[in-house]
N, C-alpha and C. Protein backbone atom coordinates (compact mmCIF):
# COMPACT_ATOMS: atom_id res chain seq x y z
N UNK A 1 0.72 -1.30 0.01
CA UNK A 1 0.26 0.07 0.15
C UNK A 1 1.00 1.25 0.06
N UNK A 2 0.81 1.90 -0.80
CA UNK A 2 1.58 3.05 -1.34
C UNK A 2 0.84 4.40 -0.74
N UNK A 3 1.16 5.04 0.17
CA UNK A 3 0.66 6.24 0.75
C UNK A 3 1.69 7.63 0.53
N UNK A 4 0.90 8.64 -0.19
CA UNK A 4 1.89 9.75 -0.41
C UNK A 4 1.78 10.87 0.54
N UNK A 5 2.88 11.92 0.76
CA UNK A 5 2.99 13.03 1.39
C UNK A 5 3.16 14.11 0.42
N UNK A 6 2.55 15.00 0.16
CA UNK A 6 2.74 16.10 -0.30
C UNK A 6 3.92 17.02 -0.14
N UNK A 7 4.98 16.97 -0.84
CA UNK A 7 6.06 17.44 -0.59
C UNK A 7 6.80 18.47 -1.17
N UNK A 8 5.79 19.63 -1.12
CA UNK A 8 6.05 20.81 -1.82
C UNK A 8 6.50 21.73 -0.62
N UNK A 9 6.09 21.62 0.65
CA UNK A 9 6.56 22.55 1.87
C UNK A 9 5.90 21.89 3.05
N UNK A 10 6.64 21.75 4.36
CA UNK A 10 5.84 21.57 5.32
C UNK A 10 6.55 20.30 6.39
N UNK A 11 6.10 19.49 6.97
CA UNK A 11 6.40 18.35 7.74
C UNK A 11 6.13 17.04 6.92
N UNK A 12 7.21 16.95 6.04
CA UNK A 12 7.23 15.58 5.13
C UNK A 12 7.72 14.38 5.89
N UNK A 13 8.86 14.43 6.22
CA UNK A 13 9.80 13.59 6.80
C UNK A 13 8.93 12.96 8.22
N UNK A 14 8.23 13.31 8.88
CA UNK A 14 7.67 12.78 10.21
C UNK A 14 6.41 12.29 9.79
N UNK A 15 5.67 12.86 8.69
CA UNK A 15 4.48 11.87 8.10
C UNK A 15 4.98 10.54 7.60
N UNK A 16 6.05 10.61 6.87
CA UNK A 16 6.45 9.39 6.36
C UNK A 16 7.28 8.35 7.21
N UNK A 17 7.48 8.91 8.34
CA UNK A 17 8.13 8.11 9.14
C UNK A 17 6.57 7.47 9.90
N UNK A 18 5.56 8.02 9.84
CA UNK A 18 4.41 7.51 10.47
C UNK A 18 4.00 6.39 9.85
N UNK A 19 3.86 7.21 8.58
CA UNK A 19 3.29 5.91 7.20
C UNK A 19 3.85 4.55 7.47
N UNK A 20 5.41 4.51 7.53
CA UNK A 20 6.36 3.53 7.50
C UNK A 20 6.00 2.56 8.49
N UNK A 21 5.97 3.24 9.84
CA UNK A 21 5.63 2.68 11.09
C UNK A 21 3.99 1.79 11.42
N UNK A 22 3.38 2.34 10.41
CA UNK A 22 2.26 1.88 10.23
C UNK A 22 2.24 0.47 9.49
N UNK A 23 3.23 0.21 8.71
CA UNK A 23 3.23 -0.80 7.62
C UNK A 23 3.22 -0.65 6.23
N UNK A 24 2.84 0.69 5.82
CA UNK A 24 2.44 0.96 4.26
C UNK A 24 3.71 1.68 4.10
N UNK A 25 4.03 1.99 2.58
CA UNK A 25 4.96 2.10 1.93
C UNK A 25 4.76 3.91 1.80
N UNK A 26 5.75 4.58 2.31
CA UNK A 26 5.52 6.37 2.11
C UNK A 26 6.28 6.69 0.82
N UNK A 27 5.80 7.59 0.22
CA UNK A 27 6.08 8.08 -1.23
C UNK A 27 6.30 9.76 -0.97
N UNK A 28 7.39 10.54 -0.89
CA UNK A 28 7.15 12.13 -0.97
C UNK A 28 6.98 12.48 -2.66
N UNK A 29 5.97 13.00 -2.48
CA UNK A 29 5.22 13.41 -3.62
C UNK A 29 5.63 14.81 -4.18
N UNK A 30 6.24 14.90 -5.35
CA UNK A 30 6.80 16.13 -5.65
C UNK A 30 6.62 16.28 -7.04
N UNK A 31 5.97 15.50 -7.81
CA UNK A 31 5.73 15.70 -9.16
C UNK A 31 4.25 14.85 -9.27
N UNK A 32 3.24 15.57 -10.33
CA UNK A 32 1.82 14.86 -10.63
C UNK A 32 2.01 13.70 -10.71
N UNK A 33 2.54 13.12 -11.51
CA UNK A 33 2.49 11.53 -12.16
C UNK A 33 2.51 10.84 -11.28
N UNK A 34 3.29 10.99 -9.90
CA UNK A 34 3.20 10.16 -8.64
C UNK A 34 1.82 9.50 -8.16
N UNK A 35 0.75 10.23 -8.49
CA UNK A 35 -0.11 10.17 -7.88
C UNK A 35 -1.20 8.90 -8.37
N UNK A 36 -0.99 8.46 -9.52
CA UNK A 36 -1.36 7.55 -9.85
C UNK A 36 -0.79 6.42 -9.22
N UNK A 37 0.41 6.09 -8.62
CA UNK A 37 0.71 5.05 -8.00
C UNK A 37 0.17 4.78 -6.69
N UNK A 38 -0.76 5.63 -6.12
CA UNK A 38 -0.97 5.97 -4.80
C UNK A 38 -2.32 5.71 -4.58
N UNK A 39 -2.68 5.02 -3.10
CA UNK A 39 -3.86 5.13 -2.65
C UNK A 39 -4.62 5.72 -1.61
N UNK A 40 -3.57 6.95 -1.52
CA UNK A 40 -4.04 8.09 -0.57
C UNK A 40 -3.11 9.20 -0.18
N UNK A 41 -3.19 10.24 -0.26
CA UNK A 41 -2.17 11.20 0.42
C UNK A 41 -2.32 12.11 1.65
N UNK A 42 -1.26 12.30 2.22
CA UNK A 42 -1.66 13.18 3.04
C UNK A 42 -1.07 14.81 2.89
N UNK A 43 -1.59 15.79 3.29
CA UNK A 43 -1.20 17.21 2.91
C UNK A 43 -0.82 17.75 4.01
N UNK A 44 0.75 17.84 4.31
CA UNK A 44 1.09 18.27 5.62
C UNK A 44 0.87 19.41 6.27
N UNK A 45 1.22 20.14 7.51
CA UNK A 45 1.28 21.26 8.08
C UNK A 45 2.17 22.16 7.49
N UNK A 46 2.27 23.42 7.44
CA UNK A 46 3.22 24.25 6.92
C UNK A 46 2.70 25.60 6.60
N UNK A 47 2.60 26.27 5.32
CA UNK A 47 2.15 27.63 5.66
C UNK A 47 1.08 27.28 4.27
N UNK A 48 -0.11 27.19 4.85
CA UNK A 48 -1.47 27.09 3.61
C UNK A 48 -1.36 27.67 2.40
N UNK A 49 -1.12 29.14 2.74
CA UNK A 49 -1.21 30.02 1.52
C UNK A 49 -0.01 29.72 0.07
N UNK A 50 1.26 29.29 0.88
CA UNK A 50 2.55 28.72 0.15
C UNK A 50 2.17 27.28 -0.53
N UNK A 51 1.55 26.69 0.23
CA UNK A 51 1.03 25.21 -0.19
C UNK A 51 -0.03 25.46 -1.21
N UNK A 52 -0.79 26.18 -1.26
CA UNK A 52 -1.96 26.57 -2.17
C UNK A 52 -1.11 27.18 -3.36
N UNK A 53 -0.25 27.81 -3.22
CA UNK A 53 0.51 28.23 -4.64
C UNK A 53 1.33 27.05 -5.34
N UNK A 54 1.89 26.59 -4.89
CA UNK A 54 2.67 25.45 -5.29
C UNK A 54 1.88 24.61 -5.74
N UNK A 55 0.81 24.21 -5.12
CA UNK A 55 -0.17 23.21 -5.67
C UNK A 55 -0.68 23.49 -7.45
N UNK A 56 -0.71 25.03 -7.17
CA UNK A 56 -1.15 25.57 -8.41
C UNK A 56 0.19 25.78 -9.69
N UNK A 57 0.83 25.94 -9.24
CA UNK A 57 2.28 26.23 -9.83
C UNK A 57 3.05 24.98 -10.56
N UNK A 58 2.76 23.50 -9.49
CA UNK A 58 3.03 22.55 -10.06
C UNK A 58 2.05 21.46 -10.87
N UNK A 59 1.03 21.89 -10.85
CA UNK A 59 -0.21 21.41 -11.66
C UNK A 59 -0.69 20.19 -10.85
N UNK A 60 -0.70 20.35 -9.65
CA UNK A 60 -1.42 19.27 -8.59
C UNK A 60 -2.99 19.63 -8.49
N UNK A 61 -3.44 21.22 -8.62
CA UNK A 61 -4.53 21.37 -8.31
C UNK A 61 -6.04 20.74 -8.88
N UNK A 62 -5.74 20.60 -10.54
CA UNK A 62 -6.90 19.95 -11.08
C UNK A 62 -6.83 18.12 -10.92
N UNK A 63 -5.61 17.69 -11.00
CA UNK A 63 -5.85 16.39 -10.41
C UNK A 63 -6.09 15.91 -9.17
N UNK A 64 -5.86 17.04 -8.28
CA UNK A 64 -6.24 16.26 -6.91
C UNK A 64 -7.80 16.63 -6.52
N UNK A 65 -8.22 17.62 -7.00
CA UNK A 65 -9.62 18.10 -6.89
C UNK A 65 -10.02 16.77 -7.72
N UNK A 66 -9.90 16.43 -8.77
CA UNK A 66 -10.71 15.36 -9.62
C UNK A 66 -10.67 14.15 -8.78
N UNK A 67 -9.53 13.67 -8.32
CA UNK A 67 -9.33 12.65 -7.64
C UNK A 67 -9.98 12.61 -6.31
N UNK A 68 -10.12 13.76 -5.61
CA UNK A 68 -11.06 14.10 -4.00
C UNK A 68 -12.16 14.11 -4.52
N UNK A 69 -12.51 14.23 -5.76
CA UNK A 69 -14.22 14.30 -5.85
C UNK A 69 -14.77 12.55 -5.98
N UNK A 70 -13.53 11.84 -6.88
CA UNK A 70 -13.93 10.47 -6.93
C UNK A 70 -13.48 9.63 -6.05
N UNK A 71 -13.42 10.05 -4.51
CA UNK A 71 -13.24 9.05 -3.46
C UNK A 71 -11.75 8.98 -2.81
N UNK A 72 -11.02 9.35 -3.50
CA UNK A 72 -9.40 9.12 -3.32
C UNK A 72 -9.02 9.77 -1.76
N UNK A 73 -8.64 8.75 -1.27
CA UNK A 73 -8.64 9.39 0.46
C UNK A 73 -7.55 10.34 0.74
N UNK A 74 -7.90 11.63 1.22
CA UNK A 74 -6.87 12.86 1.57
C UNK A 74 -6.90 13.15 2.92
N UNK A 75 -5.84 13.16 3.61
CA UNK A 75 -5.65 13.63 5.10
C UNK A 75 -4.86 15.25 5.14
N UNK A 76 -5.73 15.75 5.39
CA UNK A 76 -4.88 17.03 5.58
C UNK A 76 -4.77 17.61 7.32
N UNK A 77 -3.67 17.69 7.62
CA UNK A 77 -3.01 18.26 8.93
C UNK A 77 -2.84 19.82 8.91
N UNK A 78 -3.33 20.15 10.07
CA UNK A 78 -2.87 21.63 10.19
C UNK A 78 -3.19 22.69 9.16
N UNK A 79 -1.89 23.21 8.16
CA UNK A 79 -2.32 23.83 7.30
C UNK A 79 -2.93 22.93 6.07
N UNK A 80 -2.66 21.81 6.02
CA UNK A 80 -3.40 20.76 5.30
C UNK A 80 -4.94 20.76 5.21
N UNK A 81 -5.20 20.93 6.71
CA UNK A 81 -6.62 21.10 6.30
C UNK A 81 -7.17 22.48 5.89
N UNK A 82 -6.40 23.45 6.13
CA UNK A 82 -7.09 24.65 5.32
C UNK A 82 -7.00 24.54 3.70
N UNK A 83 -6.16 23.96 3.49
CA UNK A 83 -6.14 23.43 1.87
C UNK A 83 -7.29 22.30 1.39
N UNK A 84 -7.87 21.91 2.23
CA UNK A 84 -9.05 20.83 2.17
C UNK A 84 -10.10 22.02 2.37
N UNK A 85 -10.40 22.72 2.97
CA UNK A 85 -11.51 23.26 3.32
C UNK A 85 -11.94 23.95 2.26
N UNK A 86 -13.58 24.17 2.06
CA UNK A 86 -14.11 24.95 0.99
C UNK A 86 -14.48 26.30 1.57
N UNK A 87 -14.43 26.77 2.40
CA UNK A 87 -14.47 28.09 2.88
C UNK A 87 -13.16 28.54 3.97
N UNK A 88 -12.43 29.52 3.53
CA UNK A 88 -11.16 30.05 4.68
C UNK A 88 -11.94 31.21 5.05
N UNK A 89 -11.98 31.83 6.32
CA UNK A 89 -12.08 32.67 6.91
C UNK A 89 -11.45 33.95 6.53
N UNK A 90 -11.69 35.07 6.54
CA UNK A 90 -10.88 36.44 6.07
C UNK A 90 -10.52 36.19 4.47
N UNK A 91 -11.15 35.77 3.77
CA UNK A 91 -11.19 35.98 2.06
C UNK A 91 -10.06 35.27 1.66
N UNK A 92 -9.20 34.37 1.92
CA UNK A 92 -8.77 33.82 1.37
C UNK A 92 -9.18 32.86 0.49
N UNK A 93 -8.86 32.59 -0.98
CA UNK A 93 -9.60 32.11 -1.77
C UNK A 93 -9.44 30.33 -1.50
N UNK A 94 -10.07 29.32 -1.69
CA UNK A 94 -9.99 27.95 -1.43
C UNK A 94 -9.34 27.12 -2.15
N UNK A 95 -7.94 26.45 -1.94
CA UNK A 95 -7.16 25.79 -2.41
C UNK A 95 -7.62 24.47 -3.13
N UNK A 96 -8.09 23.25 -2.43
CA UNK A 96 -8.62 22.16 -2.93
C UNK A 96 -10.35 22.30 -2.34
N UNK A 97 -11.32 22.73 -2.61
CA UNK A 97 -12.24 22.98 -1.85
C UNK A 97 -13.32 22.00 -2.10
N UNK A 98 -12.73 20.80 -1.39
CA UNK A 98 -13.53 19.66 -1.26
C UNK A 98 -14.36 19.26 -0.41
N UNK A 99 -13.75 19.52 1.25
CA UNK A 99 -14.78 19.29 2.43
C UNK A 99 -15.56 20.31 2.97
N UNK A 100 -16.52 19.90 3.17
CA UNK A 100 -17.69 21.07 3.44
C UNK A 100 -17.62 21.57 4.76
N UNK A 101 -16.26 22.25 4.82
CA UNK A 101 -16.03 22.95 6.42
C UNK A 101 -15.50 24.31 6.19
N UNK A 102 -16.04 25.01 7.30
CA UNK A 102 -15.10 26.64 7.00
C UNK A 102 -14.24 26.76 8.11
N UNK A 103 -12.96 27.01 7.94
CA UNK A 103 -11.77 27.20 8.68
C UNK A 103 -11.22 28.49 9.18
N UNK A 104 -10.51 28.88 10.22
CA UNK A 104 -10.15 29.65 10.60
C UNK A 104 -8.56 29.66 10.89
N UNK A 105 -7.93 30.21 10.13
CA UNK A 105 -6.52 30.67 10.24
C UNK A 105 -6.15 30.77 11.69
N UNK A 106 -4.72 30.33 12.22
CA UNK A 106 -3.96 30.91 13.29
C UNK A 106 -5.27 30.83 14.22
N UNK A 107 -6.30 30.13 14.54
CA UNK A 107 -7.26 30.26 15.57
C UNK A 107 -6.51 30.53 17.09
N UNK A 108 -5.85 29.69 17.17
CA UNK A 108 -5.17 29.77 18.74
C UNK A 108 -3.89 30.59 18.95
N UNK A 109 -3.90 31.29 18.01
CA UNK A 109 -2.55 32.63 18.03
C UNK A 109 -1.67 32.04 17.43
N UNK A 110 -0.35 32.72 17.60
CA UNK A 110 0.80 32.60 17.03
C UNK A 110 1.58 31.80 17.57
N UNK A 111 2.92 31.58 16.78
CA UNK A 111 3.98 30.08 17.15
C UNK A 111 4.00 30.49 18.97
N UNK A 112 4.18 31.11 19.66
CA UNK A 112 4.23 31.41 21.20
C UNK A 112 3.48 30.59 21.58
N UNK A 113 2.16 30.63 21.15
CA UNK A 113 1.07 30.14 21.85
C UNK A 113 0.55 28.70 21.52
N UNK A 114 1.60 27.99 20.79
CA UNK A 114 1.77 26.70 20.84
C UNK A 114 1.63 25.58 21.98
N UNK A 115 0.84 24.62 22.04
CA UNK A 115 0.51 24.01 22.99
C UNK A 115 0.37 22.44 22.86
N UNK A 116 0.21 21.42 23.72
CA UNK A 116 -0.20 20.37 23.61
C UNK A 116 -1.22 19.68 24.58
N UNK A 117 -2.22 18.76 24.12
CA UNK A 117 -3.26 18.21 25.15
C UNK A 117 -3.48 17.13 24.65
N UNK A 118 -4.14 16.33 25.52
CA UNK A 118 -4.75 15.28 25.05
C UNK A 118 -6.47 15.13 24.90
N UNK A 119 -6.59 14.52 23.66
CA UNK A 119 -7.92 14.42 22.82
C UNK A 119 -8.67 13.34 22.96
N UNK A 120 -10.03 13.12 23.10
CA UNK A 120 -10.83 11.79 22.62
C UNK A 120 -11.11 12.14 21.04
N UNK A 121 -10.56 11.13 20.37
CA UNK A 121 -10.81 11.06 18.70
C UNK A 121 -11.86 10.19 18.68
N UNK A 122 -13.07 10.10 18.27
CA UNK A 122 -13.78 9.45 17.72
C UNK A 122 -13.14 8.38 16.67
N UNK A 123 -13.36 7.08 17.18
CA UNK A 123 -12.80 6.01 15.98
C UNK A 123 -10.92 5.99 16.39
N UNK A 124 -10.41 6.50 17.16
CA UNK A 124 -9.05 6.58 17.19
C UNK A 124 -8.79 6.31 18.55
N UNK A 125 -9.49 6.74 19.33
CA UNK A 125 -9.42 6.48 21.04
C UNK A 125 -9.11 7.68 22.20
N UNK A 126 -8.75 7.41 23.14
CA UNK A 126 -8.59 8.18 24.12
C UNK A 126 -7.13 8.74 24.39
N UNK A 127 -6.97 9.70 24.87
CA UNK A 127 -5.50 10.28 25.46
C UNK A 127 -4.35 10.39 24.26
N UNK A 128 -4.92 10.74 23.05
CA UNK A 128 -4.28 10.76 21.98
C UNK A 128 -3.63 12.41 21.85
N UNK A 129 -2.02 12.51 22.46
CA UNK A 129 -1.54 13.63 22.41
C UNK A 129 -1.60 14.59 21.00
N UNK A 130 -2.33 15.57 21.15
CA UNK A 130 -2.34 16.25 20.08
C UNK A 130 -1.12 17.69 20.28
N UNK A 131 -0.50 18.08 19.18
CA UNK A 131 0.50 19.02 19.34
C UNK A 131 -0.13 20.24 18.19
N UNK A 132 -0.52 21.35 18.78
CA UNK A 132 -0.99 22.65 18.12
C UNK A 132 0.06 23.55 18.01
N UNK A 133 0.40 23.81 16.79
CA UNK A 133 1.28 24.79 16.40
C UNK A 133 0.80 25.74 15.29
N UNK A 134 0.25 27.24 15.59
CA UNK A 134 -0.13 28.15 15.15
C UNK A 134 -1.28 27.23 14.45
N UNK A 135 -2.01 26.79 15.03
CA UNK A 135 -3.48 25.79 14.46
C UNK A 135 -4.54 26.93 13.88
N UNK A 136 -5.15 26.00 12.99
CA UNK A 136 -6.72 26.52 12.32
C UNK A 136 -7.52 25.92 13.11
N UNK A 137 -8.73 26.32 12.90
CA UNK A 137 -10.09 25.89 13.85
C UNK A 137 -10.91 25.61 12.58
N UNK A 138 -11.77 24.28 12.79
CA UNK A 138 -13.02 24.14 12.13
C UNK A 138 -14.21 24.84 12.95
N UNK A 139 -14.60 26.06 12.05
CA UNK A 139 -15.78 26.59 12.82
C UNK A 139 -17.15 26.35 12.61
N UNK A 140 -17.07 25.63 11.29
CA UNK A 140 -18.28 25.18 11.04
C UNK A 140 -18.08 23.90 9.97
N UNK A 141 -19.11 23.01 10.51
CA UNK A 141 -19.11 21.94 9.06
C UNK A 141 -20.51 21.75 8.70
N UNK A 142 -20.50 21.05 7.39
CA UNK A 142 -21.63 20.86 6.70
C UNK A 142 -22.25 19.55 6.68
N UNK A 143 -23.51 19.43 6.18
CA UNK A 143 -23.83 17.87 6.41
C UNK A 143 -22.97 16.65 5.82
N UNK A 144 -22.88 15.61 6.39
CA UNK A 144 -22.47 14.92 6.03
C UNK A 144 -20.99 14.71 6.57
N UNK A 145 -20.45 15.82 7.52
CA UNK A 145 -18.93 15.79 7.84
C UNK A 145 -19.37 15.50 9.53
N UNK A 146 -18.52 14.48 9.85
CA UNK A 146 -18.78 13.72 10.92
C UNK A 146 -17.57 14.58 11.98
N UNK A 147 -17.98 14.99 13.13
CA UNK A 147 -16.80 15.81 13.83
C UNK A 147 -16.14 14.45 14.82
N UNK A 148 -14.78 14.30 14.39
CA UNK A 148 -14.15 13.63 15.44
C UNK A 148 -13.53 13.90 16.63
N UNK A 149 -13.11 15.16 16.84
CA UNK A 149 -12.67 15.42 18.03
C UNK A 149 -12.61 17.23 18.48
N UNK A 150 -12.60 17.41 19.74
CA UNK A 150 -13.22 18.96 19.97
C UNK A 150 -12.31 19.29 21.16
N UNK A 151 -11.83 20.44 21.01
CA UNK A 151 -10.86 20.86 22.29
C UNK A 151 -11.59 22.24 22.79
N UNK A 152 -11.81 22.14 23.93
CA UNK A 152 -12.74 23.07 24.55
C UNK A 152 -13.77 23.50 23.94
N UNK A 153 -14.39 22.33 23.54
CA UNK A 153 -15.81 22.45 22.90
C UNK A 153 -15.84 23.31 21.34
N UNK A 154 -14.33 23.05 20.61
CA UNK A 154 -13.84 23.67 19.59
C UNK A 154 -13.61 22.67 18.53
N UNK A 155 -14.09 22.55 17.34
CA UNK A 155 -13.79 21.35 16.43
C UNK A 155 -12.24 21.26 15.84
N UNK A 156 -11.55 20.10 16.02
CA UNK A 156 -10.40 20.33 16.03
C UNK A 156 -9.72 18.79 14.86
N UNK A 157 -10.95 17.97 14.56
CA UNK A 157 -10.65 17.05 13.89
C UNK A 157 -12.12 16.73 13.17
N UNK A 158 -12.18 16.39 11.84
CA UNK A 158 -13.27 16.04 11.11
C UNK A 158 -12.87 14.98 9.80
N UNK A 159 -14.11 14.38 9.49
CA UNK A 159 -13.97 13.24 8.45
C UNK A 159 -15.58 13.67 7.71
N UNK A 160 -14.85 13.57 6.41
CA UNK A 160 -16.41 13.68 5.28
C UNK A 160 -16.08 12.62 4.24
N UNK A 161 -16.42 11.57 4.89
CA UNK A 161 -16.24 10.04 3.63
C UNK A 161 -14.98 9.87 3.59
N UNK A 162 -14.19 10.21 2.75
CA UNK A 162 -12.70 9.52 2.41
C UNK A 162 -12.15 10.73 2.61
N UNK A 163 -12.85 11.92 3.33
CA UNK A 163 -11.46 12.96 3.27
C UNK A 163 -11.32 13.23 5.22
N UNK A 164 -10.09 13.64 5.63
CA UNK A 164 -10.18 13.53 6.97
C UNK A 164 -8.92 15.04 7.36
N UNK A 165 -9.28 15.63 8.14
CA UNK A 165 -8.64 16.82 8.73
C UNK A 165 -8.41 17.00 10.17
N UNK A 166 -7.31 17.52 10.32
CA UNK A 166 -6.92 17.77 11.85
C UNK A 166 -6.35 19.08 12.05
N UNK A 167 -6.52 19.85 13.02
CA UNK A 167 -6.01 21.11 12.99
C UNK A 167 -4.39 20.84 13.68
N UNK A 168 -3.96 19.55 14.26
CA UNK A 168 -3.19 19.56 15.12
C UNK A 168 -2.13 18.52 14.13
N UNK A 169 -1.21 18.39 14.81
CA UNK A 169 0.29 17.50 14.11
C UNK A 169 0.37 16.25 14.74
N UNK A 170 -0.48 15.32 13.80
CA UNK A 170 -0.25 13.66 14.73
C UNK A 170 0.73 13.37 14.24
N UNK A 171 1.95 14.05 13.31
CA UNK A 171 2.94 13.10 13.17
C UNK A 171 4.04 13.63 14.36
N UNK A 172 3.78 14.41 15.09
CA UNK A 172 4.84 14.78 16.01
C UNK A 172 5.01 14.31 17.44
N UNK A 173 4.18 13.18 17.37
CA UNK A 173 4.25 12.26 18.55
C UNK A 173 4.63 11.29 18.28
N UNK A 174 4.92 9.92 19.08
CA UNK A 174 5.14 8.37 18.78
C UNK A 174 3.82 7.66 18.55
N UNK A 175 2.86 8.37 18.80
CA UNK A 175 1.25 7.81 18.65
C UNK A 175 0.84 7.57 17.27
N UNK A 176 0.71 6.26 16.61
CA UNK A 176 0.49 6.15 15.16
C UNK A 176 -0.76 5.92 15.34
N UNK A 177 -1.69 6.18 16.13
CA UNK A 177 -3.26 5.55 16.03
C UNK A 177 -4.17 6.74 14.80
N UNK A 178 -4.02 7.52 14.58
CA UNK A 178 -4.56 8.52 13.59
C UNK A 178 -4.24 8.34 12.21
N UNK A 179 -2.76 7.90 12.32
CA UNK A 179 -2.47 7.81 10.85
C UNK A 179 -2.99 6.07 10.36
N UNK A 180 -2.77 5.57 11.62
CA UNK A 180 -3.40 3.82 11.13
C UNK A 180 -5.13 3.95 10.99
N UNK A 181 -5.65 4.96 11.33
CA UNK A 181 -7.09 5.40 11.00
C UNK A 181 -7.24 5.77 9.75
N UNK A 182 -6.34 6.55 9.42
CA UNK A 182 -6.42 7.18 8.07
C UNK A 182 -5.85 5.97 6.92
N UNK A 183 -4.80 5.06 7.30
CA UNK A 183 -4.77 4.10 6.70
C UNK A 183 -5.79 3.13 6.56
N UNK A 184 -6.80 2.62 7.27
CA UNK A 184 -7.99 2.02 6.80
C UNK A 184 -8.69 2.74 6.02
N UNK A 185 -9.07 3.92 5.99
CA UNK A 185 -9.84 4.33 4.85
C UNK A 185 -8.92 3.87 3.60
N UNK A 186 -7.60 4.26 3.29
CA UNK A 186 -6.82 4.08 2.22
C UNK A 186 -7.31 2.85 1.60
N UNK A 187 -7.21 1.70 2.51
CA UNK A 187 -7.31 0.22 2.68
C UNK A 187 -8.44 0.07 1.81
N UNK A 188 -9.63 0.78 2.47
CA UNK A 188 -11.29 0.49 1.91
C UNK A 188 -11.10 1.33 0.12
N UNK A 189 -10.45 2.31 0.22
CA UNK A 189 -10.37 2.69 -0.98
C UNK A 189 -9.43 1.45 -2.01
N UNK A 190 -8.70 0.97 -1.50
CA UNK A 190 -7.62 0.31 -2.39
C UNK A 190 -8.61 -0.85 -2.80
N UNK A 191 -9.19 -1.50 -2.17
CA UNK A 191 -10.28 -2.43 -2.49
C UNK A 191 -10.97 -2.32 -3.56
N UNK A 192 -11.54 -1.32 -3.44
CA UNK A 192 -12.50 -0.65 -4.68
C UNK A 192 -11.74 -0.26 -5.81
N UNK A 193 -10.45 0.34 -5.84
CA UNK A 193 -9.46 0.56 -6.92
C UNK A 193 -8.12 0.25 -6.62
N UNK A 194 -7.89 -0.63 -7.16
CA UNK A 194 -6.51 -1.61 -7.15
C UNK A 194 -5.77 -0.65 -8.02
N UNK A 195 -4.73 -0.36 -7.12
CA UNK A 195 -3.63 0.44 -8.26
C UNK A 195 -2.70 -0.64 -9.22
N UNK A 196 -2.74 -0.66 -10.21
CA UNK A 196 -1.77 -1.10 -11.23
C UNK A 196 -0.64 -0.79 -10.90
N UNK A 197 -0.01 -1.99 -10.63
CA UNK A 197 1.81 -1.78 -10.32
C UNK A 197 2.28 -1.84 -11.66
N UNK A 198 3.39 -0.76 -11.85
CA UNK A 198 3.91 -0.56 -13.03
C UNK A 198 5.07 -1.61 -13.30
């Protein structure tokens, strides 16, 4: 099972380590052609505006929109969550408007306001250590979006069918449960759409 990490900017290596730890093959995705070999893709943290520009510059936008509309599993963490959102507060144009959520950038403040906390995540379990760094927030979800986790009654993780999003960085601890949860989604997709090995 090959799972990609969009390697245009952000915490790529940590996600790749997690994918490997879960028993799948990680791929650092820098070219659009690589998408054809994958059964799922993680869009990592970083800077959402920069990632959005690079997605357009390197021709990823249309292929990822098409894949995302056809059931291909995508997991956005921190800035990756913003990239997947249909609506971004403050007037920023959406990048890959696939997930029916409205997000607020830097909702918890700047870098110095970073923090860690334990969360209950539906389908993942209790006491998941979540690392928040200049984290966005999901301020509203549409129909068909399942809220997976809240912090102080604010939504910090959600799922819409094959799309998964988290405000925090699940790759920055040793706990691989959230990545395993995503890989179960990838496995389900792979059964329906086997990737032809070249």
